[in-house]
PDB file of all heavy atoms in Angstrom:
ATOM      1  N   ASN A   1      22.952  70.789 137.828  1.00  0.00           N
ATOM      2  CA  ASN A   1      23.240  71.529 136.601  1.00  0.00           C
ATOM      3  C   ASN A   1      24.617  72.150 136.748  1.00  0.00           C
ATOM      4  O   ASN A   1      24.949  72.675 137.809  1.00  0.00           O
ATOM      5  CB  ASN A   1      22.231  72.656 136.355  1.00  0.00           C
ATOM      6  CG  ASN A   1      20.866  72.145 136.004  1.00  0.00           C
ATOM      7  OD1 ASN A   1      20.705  71.074 135.452  1.00  0.00           O
ATOM      8  ND2 ASN A   1      19.857  72.918 136.333  1.00  0.00           N
ATOM      9  N   GLU A   2      25.398  72.107 135.677  1.00  0.00           N
ATOM     10  CA  GLU A   2      26.712  72.730 135.678  1.00  0.00           C
ATOM     11  C   GLU A   2      26.646  73.952 134.760  1.00  0.00           C
ATOM     12  O   GLU A   2      26.112  73.884 133.659  1.00  0.00           O
ATOM     13  CB  GLU A   2      27.746  71.730 135.169  1.00  0.00           C
ATOM     14  CG  GLU A   2      29.148  72.077 135.529  1.00  0.00           C
ATOM     15  CD  GLU A   2      30.114  70.951 135.246  1.00  0.00           C
ATOM     16  OE1 GLU A   2      30.002  69.892 135.898  1.00  0.00           O
ATOM     17  OE2 GLU A   2      30.974  71.142 134.373  1.00  0.00           O
ATOM     18  N   TYR A   3      27.191  75.061 135.242  1.00  0.00           N
ATOM     19  CA  TYR A   3      27.154  76.343 134.530  1.00  0.00           C
ATOM     20  C   TYR A   3      28.557  76.901 134.399  1.00  0.00           C
ATOM     21  O   TYR A   3      29.443  76.565 135.180  1.00  0.00           O
ATOM     22  CB  TYR A   3      26.323  77.371 135.315  1.00  0.00           C
ATOM     23  CG  TYR A   3      24.864  77.058 135.427  1.00  0.00           C
ATOM     24  CD1 TYR A   3      24.392  76.269 136.464  1.00  0.00           C
ATOM     25  CD2 TYR A   3      23.949  77.572 134.513  1.00  0.00           C
ATOM     26  CE1 TYR A   3      23.039  75.989 136.580  1.00  0.00           C
ATOM     27  CE2 TYR A   3      22.594  77.298 134.629  1.00  0.00           C
ATOM     28  CZ  TYR A   3      22.151  76.511 135.665  1.00  0.00           C
ATOM     29  OH  TYR A   3      20.809  76.240 135.784  1.00  0.00           O
ATOM     30  N   VAL A   4      28.739  77.798 133.431  1.00  0.00           N
ATOM     31  CA  VAL A   4      30.000  78.519 133.294  1.00  0.00           C
ATOM     32  C   VAL A   4      29.707  80.020 133.269  1.00  0.00           C
ATOM     33  O   VAL A   4      28.691  80.460 132.720  1.00  0.00           O
ATOM     34  CB  VAL A   4      30.785  78.090 132.038  1.00  0.00           C
ATOM     35  CG1 VAL A   4      30.056  78.454 130.754  1.00  0.00           C
ATOM     36  CG2 VAL A   4      32.184  78.676 132.044  1.00  0.00           C
ATOM     37  N   ASP A   5      30.593  80.768 133.876  1.00  0.00           N
ATOM     38  CA  ASP A   5      30.561  82.225 133.804  1.00  0.00           C
ATOM     39  C   ASP A   5      31.446  82.604 132.625  1.00  0.00           C
ATOM     40  O   ASP A   5      32.670  82.453 132.678  1.00  0.00           O
ATOM     41  CB  ASP A   5      31.100  82.823 135.104  1.00  0.00           C
ATOM     42  CG  ASP A   5      31.077  84.335 135.133  1.00  0.00           C
ATOM     43  OD1 ASP A   5      31.188  84.968 134.049  1.00  0.00           O
ATOM     44  OD2 ASP A   5      30.965  84.900 136.228  1.00  0.00           O
ATOM     45  N   ASP A   6      30.838  83.071 131.536  1.00  0.00           N
ATOM     46  CA  ASP A   6      31.606  83.377 130.328  1.00  0.00           C
ATOM     47  C   ASP A   6      32.591  84.523 130.528  1.00  0.00           C
ATOM     48  O   ASP A   6      33.584  84.604 129.820  1.00  0.00           O
ATOM     49  CB  ASP A   6      30.668  83.687 129.163  1.00  0.00           C
ATOM     50  CG  ASP A   6      29.975  82.440 128.625  1.00  0.00           C
ATOM     51  OD1 ASP A   6      30.608  81.359 128.636  1.00  0.00           O
ATOM     52  OD2 ASP A   6      28.822  82.544 128.195  1.00  0.00           O
ATOM     53  N   LYS A   7      32.343  85.379 131.484  1.00  0.00           N
ATOM     54  CA  LYS A   7      33.263  86.501 131.741  1.00  0.00           C
ATOM     55  C   LYS A   7      34.517  86.045 132.469  1.00  0.00           C
ATOM     56  O   LYS A   7      35.622  86.457 132.137  1.00  0.00           O
ATOM     57  CB  LYS A   7      32.571  87.594 132.543  1.00  0.00           C
ATOM     58  CG  LYS A   7      31.511  88.319 131.750  1.00  0.00           C
ATOM     59  CD  LYS A   7      30.879  89.412 132.575  1.00  0.00           C
ATOM     60  CE  LYS A   7      29.796  90.100 131.763  1.00  0.00           C
ATOM     61  NZ  LYS A   7      29.118  91.138 132.528  1.00  0.00           N
ATOM     62  N   SER A   8      34.370  85.188 133.479  1.00  0.00           N
ATOM     63  CA  SER A   8      35.519  84.776 134.289  1.00  0.00           C
ATOM     64  C   SER A   8      36.059  83.399 133.912  1.00  0.00           C
ATOM     65  O   SER A   8      37.200  83.078 134.229  1.00  0.00           O
ATOM     66  CB  SER A   8      35.142  84.767 135.770  1.00  0.00           C
ATOM     67  OG  SER A   8      34.249  83.700 136.039  1.00  0.00           O
ATOM     68  N   GLY A   9      35.213  82.557 133.303  1.00  0.00           N
ATOM     69  CA  GLY A   9      35.601  81.185 133.002  1.00  0.00           C
ATOM     70  C   GLY A   9      35.355  80.222 134.145  1.00  0.00           C
ATOM     71  O   GLY A   9      35.590  79.023 134.018  1.00  0.00           O
ATOM     72  N   ASP A  10      34.885  80.720 135.296  1.00  0.00           N
ATOM     73  CA  ASP A  10      34.609  79.859 136.447  1.00  0.00           C
ATOM     74  C   ASP A  10      33.442  78.923 136.152  1.00  0.00           C
ATOM     75  O   ASP A  10      32.496  79.294 135.459  1.00  0.00           O
ATOM     76  CB  ASP A  10      34.266  80.686 137.682  1.00  0.00           C
ATOM     77  CG  ASP A  10      35.429  81.535 138.177  1.00  0.00           C
ATOM     78  OD1 ASP A  10      36.587  81.173 137.905  1.00  0.00           O
ATOM     79  OD2 ASP A  10      35.172  82.546 138.836  1.00  0.00           O
ATOM     80  N   VAL A  11      33.515  77.706 136.699  1.00  0.00           N
ATOM     81  CA  VAL A  11      32.456  76.708 136.525  1.00  0.00           C
ATOM     82  C   VAL A  11      31.739  76.540 137.865  1.00  0.00           C
ATOM     83  O   VAL A  11      32.371  76.446 138.920  1.00  0.00           O
ATOM     84  CB  VAL A  11      33.033  75.367 136.028  1.00  0.00           C
ATOM     85  CG1 VAL A  11      31.931  74.326 135.874  1.00  0.00           C
ATOM     86  CG2 VAL A  11      33.749  75.574 134.695  1.00  0.00           C
ATOM     87  N   TRP A  12      30.407  76.500 137.795  1.00  0.00           N
ATOM     88  CA  TRP A  12      29.544  76.447 138.979  1.00  0.00           C
ATOM     89  C   TRP A  12      28.649  75.222 138.914  1.00  0.00           C
ATOM     90  O   TRP A  12      28.251  74.783 137.833  1.00  0.00           O
ATOM     91  CB  TRP A  12      28.665  77.690 139.027  1.00  0.00           C
ATOM     92  CG  TRP A  12      29.431  78.957 139.213  1.00  0.00           C
ATOM     93  CD1 TRP A  12      30.119  79.657 138.255  1.00  0.00           C
ATOM     94  CD2 TRP A  12      29.588  79.682 140.425  1.00  0.00           C
ATOM     95  NE1 TRP A  12      30.696  80.768 138.799  1.00  0.00           N
ATOM     96  CE2 TRP A  12      30.381  80.814 140.133  1.00  0.00           C
ATOM     97  CE3 TRP A  12      29.141  79.493 141.724  1.00  0.00           C
ATOM     98  CZ2 TRP A  12      30.726  81.736 141.105  1.00  0.00           C
ATOM     99  CZ3 TRP A  12      29.481  80.422 142.683  1.00  0.00           C
ATOM    100  CH2 TRP A  12      30.273  81.527 142.372  1.00  0.00           C
ATOM    101  N   LEU A  13      28.294  74.678 140.077  1.00  0.00           N
ATOM    102  CA  LEU A  13      27.395  73.532 140.177  1.00  0.00           C
ATOM    103  C   LEU A  13      26.169  73.922 140.990  1.00  0.00           C
ATOM    104  O   LEU A  13      26.295  74.402 142.119  1.00  0.00           O
ATOM    105  CB  LEU A  13      28.095  72.351 140.865  1.00  0.00           C
ATOM    106  CG  LEU A  13      27.250  71.091 140.982  1.00  0.00           C
ATOM    107  CD1 LEU A  13      27.078  70.441 139.611  1.00  0.00           C
ATOM    108  CD2 LEU A  13      27.880  70.116 141.959  1.00  0.00           C
ATOM    109  N   LEU A  14      24.988  73.716 140.411  1.00  0.00           N
ATOM    110  CA  LEU A  14      23.721  73.910 141.117  1.00  0.00           C
ATOM    111  C   LEU A  14      23.229  72.533 141.535  1.00  0.00           C
ATOM    112  O   LEU A  14      23.120  71.622 140.703  1.00  0.00           O
ATOM    113  CB  LEU A  14      22.685  74.573 140.207  1.00  0.00           C
ATOM    114  CG  LEU A  14      21.314  74.787 140.850  1.00  0.00           C
ATOM    115  CD1 LEU A  14      21.358  75.995 141.786  1.00  0.00           C
ATOM    116  CD2 LEU A  14      20.247  74.989 139.788  1.00  0.00           C
ATOM    117  N   ASP A  15      22.950  72.381 142.831  1.00  0.00           N
ATOM    118  CA  ASP A  15      22.440  71.104 143.329  1.00  0.00           C
ATOM    119  C   ASP A  15      21.424  71.348 144.437  1.00  0.00           C
ATOM    120  O   ASP A  15      21.107  72.487 144.774  1.00  0.00           O
ATOM    121  CB  ASP A  15      23.574  70.187 143.797  1.00  0.00           C
ATOM    122  CG  ASP A  15      24.389  70.750 144.957  1.00  0.00           C
ATOM    123  OD1 ASP A  15      24.087  71.861 145.455  1.00  0.00           O
ATOM    124  OD2 ASP A  15      25.345  70.082 145.382  1.00  0.00           O
ATOM    125  N   TYR A  16      20.892  70.253 144.960  1.00  0.00           N
ATOM    126  CA  TYR A  16      19.900  70.281 146.042  1.00  0.00           C
ATOM    127  C   TYR A  16      20.435  69.358 147.130  1.00  0.00           C
ATOM    128  O   TYR A  16      20.162  68.165 147.143  1.00  0.00           O
ATOM    129  CB  TYR A  16      18.538  69.825 145.512  1.00  0.00           C
ATOM    130  CG  TYR A  16      18.003  70.775 144.459  1.00  0.00           C
ATOM    131  CD1 TYR A  16      18.417  70.685 143.132  1.00  0.00           C
ATOM    132  CD2 TYR A  16      17.130  71.784 144.809  1.00  0.00           C
ATOM    133  CE1 TYR A  16      17.950  71.580 142.183  1.00  0.00           C
ATOM    134  CE2 TYR A  16      16.656  72.686 143.862  1.00  0.00           C
ATOM    135  CZ  TYR A  16      17.074  72.572 142.550  1.00  0.00           C
ATOM    136  OH  TYR A  16      16.623  73.472 141.617  1.00  0.00           O
ATOM    137  N   PRO A  17      21.249  69.901 148.062  1.00  0.00           N
ATOM    138  CA  PRO A  17      22.076  69.077 148.936  1.00  0.00           C
ATOM    139  C   PRO A  17      21.423  68.547 150.213  1.00  0.00           C
ATOM    140  O   PRO A  17      22.117  67.928 151.019  1.00  0.00           O
ATOM    141  CB  PRO A  17      23.219  70.026 149.296  1.00  0.00           C
ATOM    142  CG  PRO A  17      22.555  71.365 149.324  1.00  0.00           C
ATOM    143  CD  PRO A  17      21.552  71.317 148.190  1.00  0.00           C
ATOM    144  N   ASP A  18      20.143  68.761 150.414  1.00  0.00           N
ATOM    145  CA  ASP A  18      19.508  68.343 151.664  1.00  0.00           C
ATOM    146  C   ASP A  18      18.547  67.181 151.418  1.00  0.00           C
ATOM    147  O   ASP A  18      17.335  67.364 151.334  1.00  0.00           O
ATOM    148  CB  ASP A  18      18.765  69.522 152.300  1.00  0.00           C
ATOM    149  CG  ASP A  18      19.705  70.671 152.642  1.00  0.00           C
ATOM    150  OD1 ASP A  18      20.821  70.392 153.119  1.00  0.00           O
ATOM    151  OD2 ASP A  18      19.328  71.831 152.424  1.00  0.00           O
ATOM    152  N   PRO A  19      19.068  65.950 151.328  1.00  0.00           N
ATOM    153  CA  PRO A  19      18.223  64.802 150.976  1.00  0.00           C
ATOM    154  C   PRO A  19      17.124  64.507 151.987  1.00  0.00           C
ATOM    155  O   PRO A  19      16.118  63.895 151.640  1.00  0.00           O
ATOM    156  CB  PRO A  19      19.216  63.638 150.877  1.00  0.00           C
ATOM    157  CG  PRO A  19      20.387  64.063 151.687  1.00  0.00           C
ATOM    158  CD  PRO A  19      20.439  65.565 151.589  1.00  0.00           C
ATOM    159  N   GLU A  20      17.291  64.947 153.231  1.00  0.00           N
ATOM    160  CA  GLU A  20      16.250  64.692 154.232  1.00  0.00           C
ATOM    161  C   GLU A  20      15.044  65.616 154.066  1.00  0.00           C
ATOM    162  O   GLU A  20      14.004  65.401 154.675  1.00  0.00           O
ATOM    163  CB  GLU A  20      16.822  64.811 155.650  1.00  0.00           C
ATOM    164  CG  GLU A  20      17.266  66.200 156.058  1.00  0.00           C
ATOM    165  CD  GLU A  20      18.642  66.615 155.533  1.00  0.00           C
ATOM    166  OE1 GLU A  20      19.381  65.784 154.968  1.00  0.00           O
ATOM    167  OE2 GLU A  20      18.970  67.799 155.695  1.00  0.00           O
ATOM    168  N   THR A  21      15.174  66.645 153.210  1.00  0.00           N
ATOM    169  CA  THR A  21      14.103  67.599 152.952  1.00  0.00           C
ATOM    170  C   THR A  21      13.421  67.248 151.625  1.00  0.00           C
ATOM    171  O   THR A  21      14.099  66.876 150.665  1.00  0.00           O
ATOM    172  CB  THR A  21      14.675  69.031 152.865  1.00  0.00           C
ATOM    173  OG1 THR A  21      15.398  69.297 154.066  1.00  0.00           O
ATOM    174  CG2 THR A  21      13.607  70.061 152.693  1.00  0.00           C
ATOM    175  N   HIS A  22      12.111  67.388 151.560  1.00  0.00           N
ATOM    176  CA  HIS A  22      11.367  67.104 150.336  1.00  0.00           C
ATOM    177  C   HIS A  22      11.963  67.872 149.163  1.00  0.00           C
ATOM    178  O   HIS A  22      12.181  69.078 149.243  1.00  0.00           O
ATOM    179  CB  HIS A  22       9.891  67.488 150.520  1.00  0.00           C
ATOM    180  CG  HIS A  22       9.073  67.239 149.295  1.00  0.00           C
ATOM    181  ND1 HIS A  22       8.728  65.974 148.894  1.00  0.00           N
ATOM    182  CD2 HIS A  22       8.564  68.087 148.378  1.00  0.00           C
ATOM    183  CE1 HIS A  22       8.018  66.061 147.780  1.00  0.00           C
ATOM    184  NE2 HIS A  22       7.907  67.331 147.451  1.00  0.00           N
ATOM    185  N   GLY A  23      12.261  67.171 148.073  1.00  0.00           N
ATOM    186  CA  GLY A  23      12.814  67.808 146.877  1.00  0.00           C
ATOM    187  C   GLY A  23      14.268  68.219 147.012  1.00  0.00           C
ATOM    188  O   GLY A  23      14.799  68.911 146.166  1.00  0.00           O
ATOM    189  N   GLY A  24      14.932  67.804 148.084  1.00  0.00           N
ATOM    190  CA  GLY A  24      16.335  68.138 148.265  1.00  0.00           C
ATOM    191  C   GLY A  24      16.579  69.480 148.916  1.00  0.00           C
ATOM    192  O   GLY A  24      17.704  69.933 149.022  1.00  0.00           O
ATOM    193  N   GLY A  25      15.495  70.136 149.332  1.00  0.00           N
ATOM    194  CA  GLY A  25      15.643  71.426 149.999  1.00  0.00           C
ATOM    195  C   GLY A  25      15.920  72.548 149.019  1.00  0.00           C
ATOM    196  O   GLY A  25      15.801  72.393 147.813  1.00  0.00           O
ATOM    197  N   PRO A  26      16.308  73.717 149.536  1.00  0.00           N
ATOM    198  CA  PRO A  26      16.571  74.853 148.659  1.00  0.00           C
ATOM    199  C   PRO A  26      17.813  74.603 147.798  1.00  0.00           C
ATOM    200  O   PRO A  26      18.736  73.905 148.220  1.00  0.00           O
ATOM    201  CB  PRO A  26      16.800  76.021 149.619  1.00  0.00           C
ATOM    202  CG  PRO A  26      17.053  75.425 150.940  1.00  0.00           C
ATOM    203  CD  PRO A  26      16.472  74.049 150.943  1.00  0.00           C
ATOM    204  N   PRO A  27      17.829  75.166 146.596  1.00  0.00           N
ATOM    205  CA  PRO A  27      18.983  74.963 145.721  1.00  0.00           C
ATOM    206  C   PRO A  27      20.227  75.635 146.295  1.00  0.00           C
ATOM    207  O   PRO A  27      20.153  76.609 147.041  1.00  0.00           O
ATOM    208  CB  PRO A  27      18.568  75.626 144.410  1.00  0.00           C
ATOM    209  CG  PRO A  27      17.554  76.628 144.798  1.00  0.00           C
ATOM    210  CD  PRO A  27      16.836  76.059 145.991  1.00  0.00           C
ATOM    211  N   ARG A  28      21.371  75.073 145.911  1.00  0.00           N
ATOM    212  CA  ARG A  28      22.668  75.638 146.286  1.00  0.00           C
ATOM    213  C   ARG A  28      23.492  75.739 145.006  1.00  0.00           C
ATOM    214  O   ARG A  28      23.479  74.827 144.175  1.00  0.00           O
ATOM    215  CB  ARG A  28      23.371  74.710 147.269  1.00  0.00           C
ATOM    216  CG  ARG A  28      24.838  75.064 147.505  1.00  0.00           C
ATOM    217  CD  ARG A  28      25.515  74.097 148.438  1.00  0.00           C
ATOM    218  NE  ARG A  28      25.648  72.770 147.824  1.00  0.00           N
ATOM    219  CZ  ARG A  28      26.279  71.749 148.396  1.00  0.00           C
ATOM    220  NH1 ARG A  28      26.801  71.872 149.586  1.00  0.00           N
ATOM    221  NH2 ARG A  28      26.342  70.586 147.776  1.00  0.00           N
ATOM    222  N   ILE A  29      24.208  76.828 144.836  1.00  0.00           N
ATOM    223  CA  ILE A  29      25.157  76.932 143.733  1.00  0.00           C
ATOM    224  C   ILE A  29      26.517  77.250 144.334  1.00  0.00           C
ATOM    225  O   ILE A  29      26.624  78.051 145.266  1.00  0.00           O
ATOM    226  CB  ILE A  29      24.724  77.960 142.670  1.00  0.00           C
ATOM    227  CG1 ILE A  29      25.564  77.788 141.413  1.00  0.00           C
ATOM    228  CG2 ILE A  29      24.738  79.376 143.204  1.00  0.00           C
ATOM    229  CD1 ILE A  29      25.025  78.484 140.188  1.00  0.00           C
ATOM    230  N   ARG A  30      27.533  76.570 143.807  1.00  0.00           N
ATOM    231  CA  ARG A  30      28.883  76.788 144.322  1.00  0.00           C
ATOM    232  C   ARG A  30      29.898  76.643 143.201  1.00  0.00           C
ATOM    233  O   ARG A  30      29.679  75.904 142.234  1.00  0.00           O
ATOM    234  CB  ARG A  30      29.197  75.817 145.454  1.00  0.00           C
ATOM    235  CG  ARG A  30      29.051  74.379 145.077  1.00  0.00           C
ATOM    236  CD  ARG A  30      28.995  73.479 146.311  1.00  0.00           C
ATOM    237  NE  ARG A  30      28.533  72.166 145.933  1.00  0.00           N
ATOM    238  CZ  ARG A  30      29.319  71.123 145.705  1.00  0.00           C
ATOM    239  NH1 ARG A  30      30.622  71.233 145.844  1.00  0.00           N
ATOM    240  NH2 ARG A  30      28.806  69.961 145.362  1.00  0.00           N
ATOM    241  N   LYS A  31      30.991  77.378 143.344  1.00  0.00           N
ATOM    242  CA  LYS A  31      32.052  77.319 142.350  1.00  0.00           C
ATOM    243  C   LYS A  31      32.784  75.995 142.512  1.00  0.00           C
ATOM    244  O   LYS A  31      33.216  75.651 143.607  1.00  0.00           O
ATOM    245  CB  LYS A  31      33.015  78.478 142.545  1.00  0.00           C
ATOM    246  CG  LYS A  31      33.970  78.665 141.397  1.00  0.00           C
ATOM    247  CD  LYS A  31      34.995  79.753 141.641  1.00  0.00           C
ATOM    248  CE  LYS A  31      34.382  81.075 141.973  1.00  0.00           C
ATOM    249  NZ  LYS A  31      35.410  82.129 142.109  1.00  0.00           N
ATOM    250  N   ILE A  32      32.909  75.243 141.398  1.00  0.00           N
ATOM    251  CA  ILE A  32      33.603  73.961 141.484  1.00  0.00           C
ATOM    252  C   ILE A  32      34.942  73.980 140.764  1.00  0.00           C
ATOM    253  O   ILE A  32      35.809  73.179 141.070  1.00  0.00           O
ATOM    254  CB  ILE A  32      32.729  72.795 140.972  1.00  0.00           C
ATOM    255  CG1 ILE A  32      32.293  73.007 139.538  1.00  0.00           C
ATOM    256  CG2 ILE A  32      31.550  72.574 141.900  1.00  0.00           C
ATOM    257  CD1 ILE A  32      31.621  71.790 138.912  1.00  0.00           C
ATOM    258  N   ARG A  33      35.103  74.890 139.793  1.00  0.00           N
ATOM    259  CA  ARG A  33      36.384  75.006 139.102  1.00  0.00           C
ATOM    260  C   ARG A  33      36.645  76.461 138.775  1.00  0.00           C
ATOM    261  O   ARG A  33      35.930  77.062 137.986  1.00  0.00           O
ATOM    262  CB  ARG A  33      36.380  74.195 137.806  1.00  0.00           C
ATOM    263  CG  ARG A  33      36.565  72.721 138.004  1.00  0.00           C
ATOM    264  CD  ARG A  33      36.992  72.021 136.728  1.00  0.00           C
ATOM    265  NE  ARG A  33      36.191  72.345 135.575  1.00  0.00           N
ATOM    266  CZ  ARG A  33      35.144  71.639 135.152  1.00  0.00           C
ATOM    267  NH1 ARG A  33      34.763  70.575 135.792  1.00  0.00           N
ATOM    268  NH2 ARG A  33      34.479  72.006 134.080  1.00  0.00           N
ATOM    269  N   PRO A  34      37.684  77.024 139.362  1.00  0.00           N
ATOM    270  CA  PRO A  34      38.039  78.392 138.977  1.00  0.00           C
ATOM    271  C   PRO A  34      38.653  78.414 137.576  1.00  0.00           C
ATOM    272  O   PRO A  34      39.109  77.387 137.070  1.00  0.00           O
ATOM    273  CB  PRO A  34      39.045  78.820 140.020  1.00  0.00           C
ATOM    274  CG  PRO A  34      39.473  77.615 140.742  1.00  0.00           C
ATOM    275  CD  PRO A  34      38.495  76.521 140.434  1.00  0.00           C
ATOM    276  N   LYS A  35      38.654  79.567 136.979  1.00  0.00           N
ATOM    277  CA  LYS A  35      39.217  79.767 135.646  1.00  0.00           C
ATOM    278  C   LYS A  35      40.607  79.148 135.547  1.00  0.00           C
ATOM    279  O   LYS A  35      41.428  79.317 136.432  1.00  0.00           O
ATOM    280  CB  LYS A  35      39.286  81.272 135.365  1.00  0.00           C
ATOM    281  CG  LYS A  35      39.879  81.615 134.026  1.00  0.00           C
ATOM    282  CD  LYS A  35      39.922  83.105 133.867  1.00  0.00           C
ATOM    283  CE  LYS A  35      40.569  83.468 132.573  1.00  0.00           C
ATOM    284  NZ  LYS A  35      40.620  84.903 132.377  1.00  0.00           N
ATOM    285  N   GLY A  36      40.821  78.416 134.449  1.00  0.00           N
ATOM    286  CA  GLY A  36      42.140  77.867 134.174  1.00  0.00           C
ATOM    287  C   GLY A  36      42.524  76.636 134.964  1.00  0.00           C
ATOM    288  O   GLY A  36      43.677  76.240 134.970  1.00  0.00           O
ATOM    289  N   SER A  37      41.575  75.979 135.617  1.00  0.00           N
ATOM    290  CA  SER A  37      41.942  74.838 136.463  1.00  0.00           C
ATOM    291  C   SER A  37      41.564  73.495 135.845  1.00  0.00           C
ATOM    292  O   SER A  37      41.317  72.543 136.554  1.00  0.00           O
ATOM    293  CB  SER A  37      41.292  74.967 137.832  1.00  0.00           C
ATOM    294  OG  SER A  37      39.900  74.823 137.703  1.00  0.00           O
ATOM    295  N   GLY A  38      41.481  73.417 134.556  1.00  0.00           N
ATOM    296  CA  GLY A  38      41.158  72.117 133.946  1.00  0.00           C
ATOM    297  C   GLY A  38      40.252  72.263 132.750  1.00  0.00           C
ATOM    298  O   GLY A  38      39.971  73.357 132.284  1.00  0.00           O
ATOM    299  N   ASP A  39      39.831  71.126 132.256  1.00  0.00           N
ATOM    300  CA  ASP A  39      38.992  71.083 131.054  1.00  0.00           C
ATOM    301  C   ASP A  39      37.627  71.671 131.313  1.00  0.00           C
ATOM    302  O   ASP A  39      37.032  71.458 132.337  1.00  0.00           O
ATOM    303  CB  ASP A  39      38.813  69.647 130.578  1.00  0.00           C
ATOM    304  CG  ASP A  39      40.136  69.015 130.167  1.00  0.00           C
ATOM    305  OD1 ASP A  39      41.146  69.734 130.083  1.00  0.00           O
ATOM    306  OD2 ASP A  39      40.130  67.805 129.937  1.00  0.00           O
ATOM    307  N   ARG A  40      37.148  72.423 130.342  1.00  0.00           N
ATOM    308  CA  ARG A  40      35.769  72.943 130.363  1.00  0.00           C
ATOM    309  C   ARG A  40      35.091  72.470 129.100  1.00  0.00           C
ATOM    310  O   ARG A  40      35.726  72.357 128.059  1.00  0.00           O
ATOM    311  CB  ARG A  40      35.771  74.474 130.408  1.00  0.00           C
ATOM    312  CG  ARG A  40      35.819  74.969 131.794  1.00  0.00           C
ATOM    313  CD  ARG A  40      35.681  76.480 131.804  1.00  0.00           C
ATOM    314  NE  ARG A  40      36.829  76.977 132.533  1.00  0.00           N
ATOM    315  CZ  ARG A  40      37.907  77.490 131.988  1.00  0.00           C
ATOM    316  NH1 ARG A  40      38.015  77.652 130.720  1.00  0.00           N
ATOM    317  NH2 ARG A  40      38.896  77.893 132.729  1.00  0.00           N
ATOM    318  N   GLN A  41      33.829  72.224 129.189  1.00  0.00           N
ATOM    319  CA  GLN A  41      33.072  71.761 128.018  1.00  0.00           C
ATOM    320  C   GLN A  41      32.367  72.910 127.367  1.00  0.00           C
ATOM    321  O   GLN A  41      32.017  73.871 127.933  1.00  0.00           O
ATOM    322  CB  GLN A  41      32.069  70.709 128.427  1.00  0.00           C
ATOM    323  CG  GLN A  41      32.775  69.511 128.992  1.00  0.00           C
ATOM    324  CD  GLN A  41      31.787  68.469 129.473  1.00  0.00           C
ATOM    325  OE1 GLN A  41      30.587  68.703 129.561  1.00  0.00           O
ATOM    326  NE2 GLN A  41      32.290  67.318 129.822  1.00  0.00           N
TER     327      GLN A  41
END
């Protein structure tokens, strides 16, 4: 899932990065685009 912080404009990605674990393991969210670094939808 891709999210945006409406206050800062930062874009975040929620994923499940541990394929060896059932269901991909615990969720991870990380900033993928800081404010002003490209197109946002």
